[in-house]
Protein backbone atom coordinates (compact mmCIF):
# COMPACT_ATOMS: atom_id res chain seq x y z
CA MET A 1 27.17 50.25 -47.21
CA THR A 2 26.59 46.51 -46.97
CA PRO A 3 23.78 45.72 -44.52
CA ARG A 4 24.76 43.49 -41.55
CA LEU A 5 23.02 40.16 -41.55
CA PRO A 6 21.96 38.61 -38.21
CA ASN A 7 24.26 35.90 -36.88
CA PRO A 8 22.31 32.63 -37.30
CA LEU A 9 24.24 31.08 -34.38
CA LYS A 10 23.32 33.85 -31.94
CA ARG A 11 20.29 33.03 -29.79
CA THR A 12 17.48 35.54 -30.16
CA LYS A 13 15.20 36.40 -27.22
CA PRO A 14 12.27 34.30 -28.54
CA ASN A 15 14.62 31.29 -28.73
CA VAL A 16 15.76 31.84 -25.13
CA ILE A 17 12.15 32.15 -23.92
CA SER A 18 11.19 28.99 -25.84
CA MET A 19 14.05 27.09 -24.21
CA LEU A 20 13.07 28.47 -20.80
CA VAL A 21 9.45 27.35 -21.27
CA THR A 22 10.62 23.84 -22.23
CA LYS A 23 12.95 23.67 -19.23
CA VAL A 24 10.39 24.98 -16.71
CA THR A 25 7.65 22.71 -18.08
CA THR A 26 9.96 19.68 -17.83
CA LEU A 27 10.91 20.53 -14.25
CA LEU A 28 7.28 21.07 -13.23
CA ASN A 29 6.48 17.55 -14.38
CA HIS A 30 8.91 16.06 -11.81
CA ARG A 31 8.49 15.56 -8.06
CA LEU A 32 9.68 18.76 -6.41
CA ARG A 33 9.74 20.37 -2.99
CA VAL A 34 7.52 23.39 -2.37
CA ASN A 35 10.51 25.76 -2.23
CA GLN A 36 11.67 24.52 -5.62
CA VAL A 37 8.17 25.08 -7.05
CA LYS A 38 8.16 28.63 -5.67
CA GLN A 39 11.51 29.33 -7.35
CA LEU A 40 10.12 28.12 -10.67
CA HIS A 41 6.99 30.22 -10.12
CA ALA A 42 9.23 33.28 -9.68
CA LEU A 43 10.88 32.49 -13.04
CA VAL A 44 7.43 32.15 -14.61
CA LEU A 45 6.33 35.57 -13.34
CA ILE A 46 9.58 37.41 -14.14
CA ASN A 47 9.53 36.18 -17.73
CA GLY A 48 5.84 36.80 -18.34
CA LEU A 49 4.95 33.11 -18.58
CA SER A 50 1.86 33.27 -16.36
CA TYR A 51 0.08 30.78 -18.64
CA LEU A 52 2.28 28.13 -16.94
CA GLU A 53 0.70 28.84 -13.54
CA PRO A 54 -1.76 25.90 -13.79
CA LEU A 55 1.29 23.60 -13.82
CA VAL A 56 2.59 25.36 -10.69
CA ILE A 57 -0.79 24.86 -8.96
CA THR A 58 -0.92 21.16 -9.85
CA GLN A 59 2.67 20.65 -8.70
CA ILE A 60 2.02 22.27 -5.29
CA ILE A 61 -1.08 20.10 -4.79
CA CYS A 62 0.74 16.91 -5.77
CA THR A 63 3.91 17.54 -3.77
CA PRO A 64 4.59 14.45 -1.62
CA PHE A 65 6.36 16.36 1.16
CA GLY A 66 3.37 17.68 3.15
CA HIS A 67 1.56 20.99 3.17
CA SER A 68 2.28 23.59 5.86
CA GLU A 69 -0.07 26.49 6.61
CA GLY A 70 2.28 28.77 4.66
CA THR A 71 2.07 26.49 1.61
CA LEU A 72 -1.73 26.36 1.81
CA HIS A 73 -1.90 30.16 2.04
CA TYR A 74 0.39 30.39 -1.00
CA LEU A 75 -1.84 27.93 -2.93
CA ARG A 76 -5.05 29.83 -2.09
CA SER A 77 -3.47 33.11 -3.14
CA LEU A 78 -2.29 31.58 -6.42
CA LEU A 79 -5.75 30.17 -7.16
CA ARG A 80 -7.39 33.54 -6.48
CA HIS A 81 -5.04 35.67 -8.57
CA THR A 82 -4.07 33.48 -11.52
CA LYS A 83 -5.16 34.95 -14.84
CA HIS A 84 -5.12 31.62 -16.64
CA PRO A 85 -7.79 29.32 -15.19
CA ASN A 86 -7.34 25.71 -16.19
CA VAL A 87 -9.84 22.89 -15.65
CA THR A 88 -7.19 20.32 -14.65
CA ALA A 89 -5.62 22.59 -12.02
CA ARG A 90 -9.02 23.70 -10.68
CA ALA A 91 -10.32 20.13 -10.53
CA SER A 92 -7.17 19.06 -8.66
CA ALA A 93 -7.65 21.95 -6.21
CA ILE A 94 -11.29 21.01 -5.51
CA GLN A 95 -10.34 17.36 -4.93
CA PHE A 96 -7.41 18.45 -2.75
CA PHE A 97 -9.52 20.69 -0.50
CA TYR A 98 -12.28 18.10 -0.26
CA GLN A 99 -9.87 15.35 0.83
CA ARG A 100 -8.42 17.68 3.49
CA GLY A 101 -11.91 18.30 4.88
CA GLU A 102 -11.95 21.94 3.71
CA PHE A 103 -15.40 21.63 2.14
CA ARG A 104 -16.19 25.35 2.00
CA GLU A 105 -12.89 26.02 0.25
CA ALA A 106 -13.74 23.30 -2.28
CA LEU A 107 -17.10 24.97 -2.96
CA ARG A 108 -15.47 28.38 -3.34
CA GLU A 109 -13.13 26.90 -5.93
CA TYR A 110 -16.10 25.38 -7.77
CA ALA A 111 -17.77 28.83 -7.80
CA ARG A 112 -14.62 30.26 -9.43
CA ILE A 113 -14.90 27.62 -12.16
CA GLN A 114 -18.48 28.74 -12.77
CA ARG A 115 -17.51 32.41 -12.99
CA SER A 116 -14.58 31.75 -15.33
CA GLY A 117 -16.77 29.88 -17.80
CA ILE A 118 -14.68 26.68 -17.65
CA PHE A 119 -16.56 23.47 -18.47
CA PRO A 120 -16.04 21.25 -15.37
CA THR A 121 -15.32 17.54 -15.28
CA THR A 122 -17.69 14.97 -13.78
CA SER A 123 -15.32 14.39 -10.84
CA THR A 124 -15.27 18.15 -10.15
CA VAL A 125 -19.08 18.33 -10.00
CA ALA A 126 -19.23 15.16 -7.87
CA SER A 127 -16.70 16.61 -5.38
CA ALA A 128 -18.66 19.88 -5.17
CA LEU A 129 -21.90 17.98 -4.50
CA LYS A 130 -20.26 15.88 -1.80
CA ALA A 131 -18.88 19.06 -0.21
CA CYS A 132 -22.44 20.46 -0.11
CA THR A 133 -23.62 17.29 1.62
CA ARG A 134 -20.81 17.41 4.19
CA ILE A 135 -21.54 21.00 5.27
CA GLY A 136 -25.33 20.78 4.83
CA ASN A 137 -25.53 23.44 2.08
CA TRP A 138 -28.65 21.98 0.46
CA ILE A 139 -29.49 25.06 -1.62
CA ALA A 140 -26.05 25.03 -3.30
CA GLY A 141 -26.39 21.28 -3.88
CA ILE A 142 -29.78 21.60 -5.55
CA ARG A 143 -28.44 24.48 -7.67
CA ILE A 144 -25.54 22.30 -8.82
CA HIS A 145 -28.05 19.53 -9.61
CA GLY A 146 -29.72 21.98 -12.00
CA GLN A 147 -26.36 22.60 -13.69
CA VAL A 148 -25.80 18.85 -14.07
CA TYR A 149 -28.50 18.67 -16.75
CA GLY A 150 -26.92 21.59 -18.61
CA TYR A 151 -23.56 19.82 -18.60
CA GLY A 152 -25.14 16.54 -19.73
CA PHE A 153 -23.87 14.66 -16.65
CA CYS A 154 -27.21 13.30 -15.47
CA GLY A 155 -26.33 9.68 -16.34
CA ASP A 156 -22.80 9.74 -14.86
CA VAL A 157 -22.24 7.29 -11.99
CA HIS A 158 -19.94 9.59 -9.95
CA VAL A 159 -22.28 12.59 -10.20
CA GLY A 160 -25.31 10.35 -9.66
CA THR A 161 -23.77 8.78 -6.54
CA ALA A 162 -23.07 12.23 -5.09
CA LEU A 163 -26.65 13.37 -5.86
CA VAL A 164 -28.20 10.28 -4.27
CA GLY A 165 -26.06 10.97 -1.19
CA LEU A 166 -27.27 14.57 -1.11
CA TYR A 167 -30.97 13.75 -1.40
CA SER A 168 -30.84 10.80 0.97
CA LYS A 169 -29.29 13.10 3.57
CA ILE A 170 -32.39 15.34 3.42
CA ASN A 171 -34.59 12.22 3.20
CA ASP A 172 -35.86 13.04 -0.30
CA MET A 173 -35.85 9.43 -1.43
CA GLU A 174 -38.16 10.06 -4.37
CA THR A 175 -35.59 12.34 -6.05
CA ALA A 176 -32.75 9.99 -5.02
CA LYS A 177 -34.58 7.12 -6.74
CA LYS A 178 -35.09 9.20 -9.92
CA VAL A 179 -31.36 9.98 -10.00
CA LEU A 180 -30.55 6.30 -9.52
CA ASP A 181 -32.84 5.35 -12.42
CA GLU A 182 -31.12 7.92 -14.67
CA MET A 183 -27.68 6.40 -14.23
CA SER A 184 -26.47 4.96 -17.51
CA ASP A 185 -23.79 2.66 -16.07
CA ARG A 186 -25.10 -0.89 -15.70
CA ASN A 187 -23.01 -1.35 -12.55
CA SER A 188 -23.96 2.03 -11.09
CA ALA A 189 -26.20 0.53 -8.40
CA SER A 190 -23.48 -1.78 -7.10
CA ARG A 191 -20.97 1.09 -7.07
CA LEU A 192 -23.46 3.23 -5.19
CA ILE A 193 -24.07 0.45 -2.68
CA ASN A 194 -20.32 -0.02 -2.25
CA GLY A 195 -19.91 3.71 -1.65
CA TYR A 196 -22.48 3.69 1.13
CA LEU A 197 -21.09 0.54 2.69
CA GLU A 198 -17.53 1.87 2.73
CA SER A 199 -18.68 5.18 4.22
CA GLY A 200 -20.48 3.28 7.00
CA ASN A 201 -24.01 4.16 5.87
CA VAL A 202 -25.22 0.54 5.88
CA PRO A 203 -28.96 1.32 6.27
CA MET A 204 -28.83 3.43 3.09
CA ALA A 205 -27.04 0.63 1.20
CA GLU A 206 -29.65 -1.89 2.36
CA ARG A 207 -32.45 0.48 1.40
CA ILE A 208 -31.13 1.00 -2.13
CA PHE A 209 -30.57 -2.75 -2.52
CA SER A 210 -34.10 -3.62 -1.35
CA GLU A 211 -35.70 -1.00 -3.65
CA MET A 212 -33.80 -2.15 -6.75
CA GLY A 213 -36.07 -3.76 -9.31
CA HIS A 214 -33.54 -6.00 -11.07
CA LYS A 215 -30.65 -6.73 -8.69
CA ASP A 216 -27.42 -7.32 -10.56
CA ILE A 217 -24.91 -9.92 -9.35
CA ALA A 218 -22.37 -7.24 -8.42
CA SER A 219 -24.87 -5.80 -5.89
CA TRP A 220 -25.41 -9.23 -4.32
CA ASP A 221 -21.64 -9.69 -4.10
CA SER A 222 -21.25 -6.28 -2.46
CA MET A 223 -23.73 -7.08 0.30
CA VAL A 224 -22.32 -10.56 0.99
CA SER A 225 -18.74 -9.28 1.01
CA TRP A 226 -19.55 -6.41 3.38
CA TYR A 227 -21.19 -8.60 6.01
CA THR A 228 -18.48 -11.27 5.88
CA ARG A 229 -15.79 -8.59 6.33
CA THR A 230 -17.62 -7.08 9.29
CA GLY A 231 -18.17 -10.51 10.88
CA ASP A 232 -21.98 -10.51 10.66
CA MET A 233 -22.27 -14.02 9.22
CA GLU A 234 -26.00 -14.30 9.92
CA LYS A 235 -26.75 -11.39 7.57
CA ALA A 236 -24.12 -12.62 5.12
CA ILE A 237 -25.83 -16.01 4.75
CA ALA A 238 -29.21 -14.24 4.51
CA TYR A 239 -27.96 -12.46 1.37
CA PHE A 240 -25.87 -15.37 0.06
CA GLY A 241 -28.77 -17.87 0.19
CA PRO A 242 -31.16 -16.13 -2.26
CA MET A 243 -28.41 -15.13 -4.75
CA PRO A 244 -29.62 -16.18 -8.23
CA VAL A 245 -26.04 -16.94 -9.28
CA LYS A 246 -23.43 -17.57 -6.61
CA THR A 247 -20.12 -16.24 -7.90
CA SER A 248 -16.62 -17.42 -7.01
CA SER A 249 -16.06 -14.20 -5.04
CA SER A 250 -19.23 -14.74 -2.97
CA TRP A 251 -18.15 -18.32 -2.10
CA THR A 252 -14.70 -17.02 -1.16
CA SER A 253 -16.23 -14.24 0.96
CA MET A 254 -18.32 -16.75 2.93
CA ILE A 255 -15.31 -19.02 3.54
CA ASP A 256 -13.14 -16.07 4.62
CA GLY A 257 -15.89 -14.79 6.89
CA TYR A 258 -16.27 -18.11 8.71
CA ILE A 259 -12.49 -18.43 9.06
CA ASP A 260 -12.20 -14.92 10.49
CA SER A 261 -15.01 -15.65 12.94
CA LYS A 262 -13.14 -18.82 13.99
CA ARG A 263 -15.83 -21.21 12.74
CA LEU A 264 -13.51 -23.46 10.81
CA GLU A 265 -15.92 -26.37 10.47
CA LEU A 266 -18.45 -24.19 8.61
CA ALA A 267 -15.67 -22.69 6.49
CA ARG A 268 -14.53 -26.19 5.53
CA ASN A 269 -18.13 -27.20 4.68
CA PHE A 270 -18.45 -24.24 2.30
CA TYR A 271 -15.04 -24.99 0.80
CA ASP A 272 -15.96 -28.64 0.19
CA VAL A 273 -19.23 -27.82 -1.64
CA MET A 274 -18.14 -24.76 -3.63
CA PRO A 275 -18.33 -25.51 -7.39
CA GLN A 276 -14.76 -24.45 -8.17
CA GLN A 277 -12.22 -24.52 -5.37
CA ASN A 278 -9.61 -21.79 -5.67
CA SER A 279 -6.11 -21.42 -4.28
CA ASN A 280 -6.95 -18.28 -2.26
CA SER A 281 -9.53 -20.08 -0.13
CA CYS A 282 -7.26 -23.11 0.17
CA ILE A 283 -4.37 -20.95 1.40
CA LYS A 284 -6.57 -19.18 3.93
CA LEU A 285 -7.78 -22.54 5.29
CA ILE A 286 -4.21 -23.89 5.49
CA GLU A 287 -3.17 -20.79 7.48
CA ALA A 288 -6.17 -21.17 9.80
CA TYR A 289 -5.47 -24.87 10.41
CA SER A 290 -1.80 -24.03 10.99
CA LYS A 291 -2.71 -21.55 13.75
CA ASN A 292 -4.87 -24.25 15.35
CA GLY A 293 -2.07 -26.82 15.08
CA ASP A 294 -4.18 -29.03 12.81
CA VAL A 295 -1.47 -29.94 10.30
CA GLU A 296 -3.32 -33.06 9.14
CA SER A 297 -6.36 -31.07 7.91
CA ALA A 298 -4.08 -28.51 6.25
CA ARG A 299 -2.20 -31.25 4.40
CA GLU A 300 -5.49 -32.88 3.37
CA ILE A 301 -6.85 -29.83 1.54
CA PHE A 302 -3.38 -29.09 0.11
CA THR A 303 -3.25 -32.62 -1.37
CA GLU A 304 -6.81 -32.46 -2.71
CA ILE A 305 -6.40 -29.30 -4.78
CA SER A 306 -5.36 -30.33 -8.27
CA LYS A 307 -3.67 -27.17 -9.56
CA LYS A 308 -0.97 -26.00 -7.15
CA ASN A 309 1.11 -22.82 -7.37
CA HIS A 310 4.09 -21.46 -5.42
CA LEU A 311 1.77 -19.66 -2.96
CA LEU A 312 0.11 -22.95 -1.95
CA TYR A 313 3.50 -24.61 -1.43
CA LYS A 314 4.65 -21.61 0.60
CA ALA A 315 1.56 -21.79 2.84
CA MET A 316 2.04 -25.53 3.47
CA ILE A 317 5.79 -25.22 4.11
CA ALA A 318 5.00 -22.42 6.59
CA CYS A 319 2.43 -24.69 8.26
CA TYR A 320 5.05 -27.41 8.79
CA SER A 321 7.63 -24.92 9.99
CA GLN A 322 5.26 -23.25 12.47
CA ASN A 323 4.17 -26.60 13.90
CA ASN A 324 7.66 -28.03 14.55
CA GLN A 325 7.78 -30.35 11.57
CA PRO A 326 10.91 -29.01 9.81
CA LYS A 327 11.73 -32.28 8.03
CA HIS A 328 8.32 -32.33 6.33
CA ALA A 329 8.87 -28.69 5.32
CA LEU A 330 12.16 -29.61 3.60
CA GLN A 331 10.58 -32.65 1.90
CA LEU A 332 7.80 -30.45 0.50
CA PHE A 333 10.34 -27.88 -0.64
CA ASP A 334 12.24 -30.64 -2.45
CA GLU A 335 8.97 -31.73 -4.09
CA MET A 336 8.70 -28.31 -5.79
CA PHE A 337 11.71 -29.17 -7.97
CA GLN A 338 10.48 -32.57 -9.12
CA PRO A 339 9.87 -32.80 -12.92
CA ASN A 340 6.11 -33.39 -12.46
CA VAL A 341 5.80 -30.21 -10.32
CA ASN A 342 8.61 -27.84 -11.39
CA ILE A 343 7.51 -24.76 -9.39
CA GLN A 344 10.06 -22.06 -8.62
CA PRO A 345 9.91 -20.77 -5.03
CA ASP A 346 9.82 -17.05 -4.28
CA ASN A 347 12.20 -15.24 -1.91
CA THR A 348 9.89 -15.64 1.09
CA THR A 349 9.78 -19.42 0.64
CA LEU A 350 13.58 -19.56 0.27
CA ALA A 351 14.01 -17.52 3.46
CA MET A 352 11.58 -19.80 5.28
CA VAL A 353 13.41 -22.96 4.20
CA ILE A 354 16.80 -21.53 5.15
CA SER A 355 15.38 -20.77 8.62
CA VAL A 356 14.21 -24.40 8.80
CA CYS A 357 17.78 -25.50 7.97
CA SER A 358 18.99 -23.33 10.85
CA GLN A 359 16.50 -25.04 13.19
CA LEU A 360 17.67 -28.48 12.07
CA GLY A 361 21.35 -27.54 12.10
CA ASP A 362 21.57 -28.57 8.45
CA LEU A 363 24.46 -26.49 7.08
CA ARG A 364 24.83 -28.63 3.96
CA PHE A 365 21.27 -28.18 2.66
CA GLY A 366 21.15 -24.47 3.57
CA SER A 367 24.47 -23.85 1.81
CA TRP A 368 23.22 -25.74 -1.24
CA ILE A 369 20.19 -23.43 -1.42
CA ASP A 370 22.46 -20.38 -1.24
CA GLU A 371 25.41 -21.47 -3.33
CA ILE A 372 23.67 -23.52 -6.01
CA LEU A 373 19.90 -22.98 -6.10
CA ILE A 374 19.75 -19.20 -5.63
CA LYS A 375 22.52 -18.68 -8.20
CA GLN A 376 20.93 -21.06 -10.73
CA MET A 377 17.57 -19.33 -10.45
CA LYS A 378 19.32 -15.93 -10.58
CA VAL A 379 17.41 -14.81 -7.50
CA LYS A 380 17.78 -11.17 -6.57
CA ILE A 381 18.43 -11.32 -2.82
CA ASP A 382 16.20 -8.82 -1.02
CA ASP A 383 16.70 -7.64 2.58
CA HIS A 384 14.45 -10.32 4.10
CA LEU A 385 16.24 -13.21 2.35
CA GLY A 386 19.62 -11.54 2.95
CA ALA A 387 18.97 -11.15 6.70
CA THR A 388 17.90 -14.82 6.90
CA LEU A 389 21.14 -15.91 5.21
CA VAL A 390 23.14 -13.70 7.61
CA GLU A 391 21.45 -15.43 10.54
CA PHE A 392 22.02 -18.85 8.96
CA TYR A 393 25.77 -18.41 8.41
CA ALA A 394 26.27 -16.62 11.72
CA LYS A 395 24.70 -19.53 13.57
CA PHE A 396 27.24 -21.95 12.06
CA GLY A 397 30.19 -19.64 12.80
CA HIS A 398 30.77 -18.51 9.18
CA VAL A 399 31.11 -14.89 10.31
CA ASP A 400 33.01 -13.70 7.23
CA LYS A 401 30.28 -15.00 4.90
CA ALA A 402 27.58 -13.57 7.17
CA TYR A 403 29.32 -10.19 7.29
CA SER A 404 29.68 -10.11 3.49
CA LEU A 405 25.93 -10.67 3.10
CA PHE A 406 25.25 -8.14 5.88
CA CYS A 407 27.13 -5.43 3.94
CA GLY A 408 24.83 -6.00 0.95
CA LEU A 409 21.64 -5.24 2.91
CA LYS A 410 19.97 -1.94 2.04
CA LYS A 411 18.15 -1.65 5.37
CA LYS A 412 19.75 -3.10 8.48
CA GLU A 413 17.49 -3.75 11.47
CA VAL A 414 18.45 -4.27 15.12
CA GLY A 415 17.95 -8.05 14.74
CA VAL A 416 20.57 -8.52 12.04
CA TYR A 417 23.15 -6.40 13.91
CA THR A 418 22.46 -8.41 17.07
CA THR A 419 22.81 -11.72 15.18
CA LEU A 420 26.28 -10.78 13.96
CA ILE A 421 27.39 -9.39 17.33
CA LEU A 422 26.30 -12.64 19.01
CA ALA A 423 28.23 -14.65 16.39
CA CYS A 424 31.33 -12.53 17.06
CA GLY A 425 30.86 -13.20 20.77
CA ARG A 426 30.87 -16.94 20.19
CA ILE A 427 34.15 -16.92 18.23
CA GLY A 428 35.83 -14.17 20.24
CA GLY A 429 35.72 -11.57 17.45
CA LYS A 430 35.96 -8.56 19.79
CA ASP A 431 36.99 -6.01 17.14
CA TYR A 432 34.19 -7.04 14.76
CA ALA A 433 31.64 -6.85 17.58
CA VAL A 434 32.76 -3.40 18.74
CA LYS A 435 32.77 -2.05 15.17
CA LEU A 436 29.28 -3.42 14.53
CA PHE A 437 28.03 -1.90 17.77
CA LYS A 438 29.48 1.52 16.91
CA ASP A 439 28.04 1.35 13.38
CA MET A 440 24.68 0.48 14.88
CA LEU A 441 24.71 3.53 17.16
CA GLU A 442 25.84 5.83 14.34
CA ALA A 443 22.88 4.58 12.28
CA ASN A 444 20.56 5.56 15.19
CA ILE A 445 19.49 1.95 15.71
CA CYS A 446 18.60 1.18 19.31
CA PRO A 447 20.35 -1.91 20.73
CA ASN A 448 18.38 -4.30 22.92
CA LEU A 449 19.43 -6.43 25.90
CA VAL A 450 20.43 -9.34 23.63
CA THR A 451 22.71 -6.97 21.69
CA PHE A 452 24.47 -5.92 24.91
CA SER A 453 24.73 -9.54 26.01
CA GLY A 454 26.46 -10.47 22.74
CA LEU A 455 28.79 -7.47 22.94
CA LEU A 456 29.82 -8.22 26.54
CA ASN A 457 30.39 -11.85 25.62
CA ALA A 458 32.72 -10.78 22.77
CA LEU A 459 34.59 -8.38 25.08
CA ASN A 460 34.83 -11.08 27.74
CA HIS A 461 36.52 -13.41 25.22
CA GLY A 462 39.01 -10.65 24.53
CA GLY A 463 39.59 -10.02 28.23
CA THR A 464 38.83 -6.30 27.85
CA VAL A 465 35.42 -5.88 29.46
CA GLU A 466 36.48 -3.24 31.99
CA GLN A 467 38.70 -1.32 29.54
CA SER A 468 35.99 -1.27 26.85
CA TYR A 469 33.34 -0.38 29.41
CA HIS A 470 35.21 2.83 30.22
CA GLY A 471 36.19 3.33 26.58
CA PHE A 472 32.52 3.58 25.55
CA GLY A 473 32.03 6.22 28.22
CA TYR A 474 30.57 5.41 31.64
CA GLY A 475 27.14 6.92 32.03
CA GLN A 476 26.93 7.91 28.36
CA SER A 477 23.52 7.62 26.67
CA TYR A 478 23.43 6.54 23.06
CA PRO A 479 21.07 7.86 20.37
CA ASN A 480 17.52 6.49 20.60
CA SER A 481 18.61 4.09 23.33
CA HIS A 482 17.00 3.79 26.74
CA VAL A 483 20.04 1.95 28.03
CA THR A 484 22.71 3.95 29.88
CA TRP A 485 26.23 2.70 30.28
């Protein structure tokens, strides 16, 4: 009897399992909802693929759709019972619990890593140390410090920062100093100082800075930047003055600090004497002068800076626009296209200039920007620029053009609906106005008093105010609207 050979085209069970593993792994590397992850976890368990559970754990932690109590219970249960511990999944879990303020849970997860014999990452150890500090478990923290030497992490900046935080909390500054000296990273001190500043522990940051033997420039920058951002300019200048090398960022911090504290004269003095003036500081000064109505000073520093970019032009055009000098704004915009400048404006600048054309009633120039310039530059019209063009054409009664642009907007706000309804009111486009109003309500967008004014004006032109009033439903409340008809 001739033996039967296996059909090479027929899928064997190992092939099916292999395909299933590939499919499940691919799905678990995409953004999923928790219910979808649970369904995949069921497939994993039914088919004996428990070694894929670390992927399930990571996916649950990284899900962008929130974590209910039920989901958290499911995650804890999965972490406790999984037979395939994985350093990436465990590290993610520790970080996850720490960020949620569940410090004891983070420490419990770290203990499981210890028992399973997994070699932890530096970020895992650092998170565990910080959890000890947050709950005041000093014994566990000191024990982990002992393990740090075994892992060879004693020079790591993240672990070192967490250890300094632990020992400074119990006022053991001698050990904290030893840890700081052990850090191998040349910028470790500045990172440590930044960490304390950002966490609000300013005295500790000052203490570390003052006890540093050789202070690196990054540490000086950190101190100056912190005090300028918090508005303490006296302390900022106290650190800025003795800096051995004053960096561009420290000059910029001082200028920003004086601007924010509304001491423009001092900001200008620093700007004038800084070795290399930069566009960021120039823009911030232009914006500050614009708010004060000092267009002359804004134009002066704009003219003085040799290398101009589109952001500088945008800031100066905005200054003219905000201070009722629309013609100067258009002249500056025109300057951008001169051969000796040749700077392409961004969408925000285009929107700003089109608004200026609306203010001036200049349909010709605004239409040229839309019909010629935007098409030549192949500008992709975003919602902000699109809404500005809708307003522009609606103002001049080109409702069809405005409506065409309106339909292309991805997100429609109450303002753009109202603009079109008002335009319909001016030309007597009752049907357009009513349709827009109904669309607005269906989209759960709340109309305002100007919207109603435009709608009533359109209905009045059509002579159907009373009929439409009853047609909408007397006394009916619309979604998300506080206005009752």
